[in-house]
Protein backbone atom coordinates (compact mmCIF):
# COMPACT_ATOMS: atom_id res chain seq x y z
CA MET A 1 71.62 37.24 17.26
CA PRO A 2 69.64 40.40 16.39
CA CYS A 3 71.29 43.45 14.88
CA LEU A 4 70.59 46.52 16.98
CA GLY A 5 70.89 50.15 15.96
CA ARG A 6 73.37 52.24 17.93
CA PRO A 7 70.85 53.80 20.32
CA GLY A 8 69.15 50.43 20.82
CA ALA A 9 72.39 48.54 21.38
CA ALA A 10 72.97 49.98 24.83
CA ALA A 11 69.32 50.33 25.86
CA ALA A 12 67.93 46.95 24.78
CA PRO A 13 67.74 43.95 27.07
CA SER A 14 70.51 41.44 26.51
CA PRO A 15 70.08 39.86 23.07
CA LEU A 16 71.99 36.79 24.29
CA GLY A 17 68.90 35.24 25.85
CA GLY A 18 70.72 33.72 28.81
CA MET A 19 73.74 32.51 26.79
CA SER A 20 77.21 33.28 28.03
CA GLY A 21 78.90 36.29 26.43
CA ALA A 22 82.39 35.06 27.30
CA ASP A 23 83.06 33.83 23.76
CA LYS A 24 81.37 36.78 22.00
CA VAL A 25 82.58 40.13 20.65
CA PHE A 26 80.45 43.30 20.66
CA TYR A 27 80.85 45.25 17.37
CA THR A 28 79.51 48.67 16.46
CA THR A 29 80.09 51.07 13.59
CA GLY A 30 79.70 54.04 15.94
CA ARG A 31 81.88 55.24 18.78
CA LEU A 32 82.17 53.05 21.87
CA THR A 33 80.42 54.97 24.60
CA SER A 34 80.47 54.20 28.31
CA GLU A 35 76.90 52.89 27.97
CA MET A 36 77.92 50.37 25.31
CA VAL A 37 80.96 49.30 27.34
CA ILE A 38 78.83 48.85 30.48
CA LYS A 39 76.17 46.86 28.57
CA SER A 40 78.88 44.60 27.12
CA ALA A 41 80.30 44.01 30.59
CA GLN A 42 76.83 43.20 31.93
CA MET A 43 76.41 40.61 29.15
CA GLY A 44 79.84 39.17 29.97
CA VAL A 45 81.30 40.13 26.57
CA PRO A 46 85.05 40.66 27.09
CA ILE A 47 85.92 42.40 23.79
CA VAL A 48 84.22 45.44 22.26
CA VAL A 49 85.12 46.64 18.77
CA SER A 50 84.25 49.81 16.90
CA ARG A 51 84.85 50.83 13.33
CA SER A 52 85.04 54.35 14.75
CA GLY A 53 86.72 55.34 18.01
CA ILE A 54 85.94 55.36 21.70
CA THR A 55 84.82 58.12 24.01
CA GLN A 56 87.03 59.11 26.93
CA MET A 57 84.43 57.87 29.41
CA GLY A 58 84.05 54.60 27.48
CA HIS A 59 87.82 54.12 27.66
CA GLU A 60 87.97 54.84 31.39
CA VAL A 61 85.09 52.45 32.15
CA ALA A 62 86.62 49.70 29.99
CA GLN A 63 89.96 50.02 31.78
CA ARG A 64 88.27 49.80 35.19
CA LEU A 65 86.26 46.76 34.12
CA GLY A 66 89.17 45.01 32.38
CA LEU A 67 87.51 44.90 28.95
CA CYS A 68 89.46 44.83 25.71
CA THR A 69 88.45 47.82 23.57
CA ILE A 70 89.38 48.12 19.92
CA GLY A 71 88.70 51.12 17.74
CA ARG A 72 89.36 52.32 14.20
CA ALA A 73 88.90 48.70 13.09
CA THR A 74 88.98 48.71 9.30
CA HIS A 75 90.27 46.06 6.94
CA LYS A 76 93.38 44.62 8.64
CA ARG A 77 94.14 47.54 10.97
CA PHE A 78 92.90 48.55 14.40
CA LEU A 79 93.89 50.38 17.58
CA CYS A 80 93.68 48.53 20.90
CA TYR A 81 92.85 51.04 23.65
CA SER A 82 92.71 48.65 26.60
CA GLY A 83 92.94 44.97 27.48
CA ALA A 84 95.54 44.00 24.85
CA GLU A 85 96.39 40.94 26.96
CA ARG A 86 93.08 39.42 25.80
CA LEU A 87 94.20 39.38 22.16
CA ARG A 88 95.96 36.54 20.38
CA LEU A 89 97.53 38.28 17.39
CA GLN A 90 98.43 36.49 14.17
CA PRO A 91 100.66 38.93 12.23
CA GLU A 92 100.99 36.52 9.30
CA LEU A 93 97.33 37.15 8.48
CA ALA A 94 97.90 40.89 8.03
CA GLY A 95 100.03 40.50 4.91
CA ALA A 96 102.97 42.63 3.88
CA ARG A 97 103.56 45.97 5.62
CA LEU A 98 103.15 49.13 3.62
CA PRO A 99 106.30 51.21 3.07
């Protein structure tokens, strides 16, 4: 699957080439914008992840579309903004909690 720059990620035609996006995750290092959320939904990708955060409009669109949005994803930590029911968490993989 090709790696797209942030501006190209939302504007490019689907890089899936007709494959189903149901078992894929969309990841970006930039903020999740409404355009990226909409593009992911159009490709059928149910989970979108950002190393940064999410815009307010991106969050609202994701909630309306039922997508799982995750932000601030670094190392073993993340914030789930919407669609937490799509996640299957495995706390044992996170290791010991910090004091």
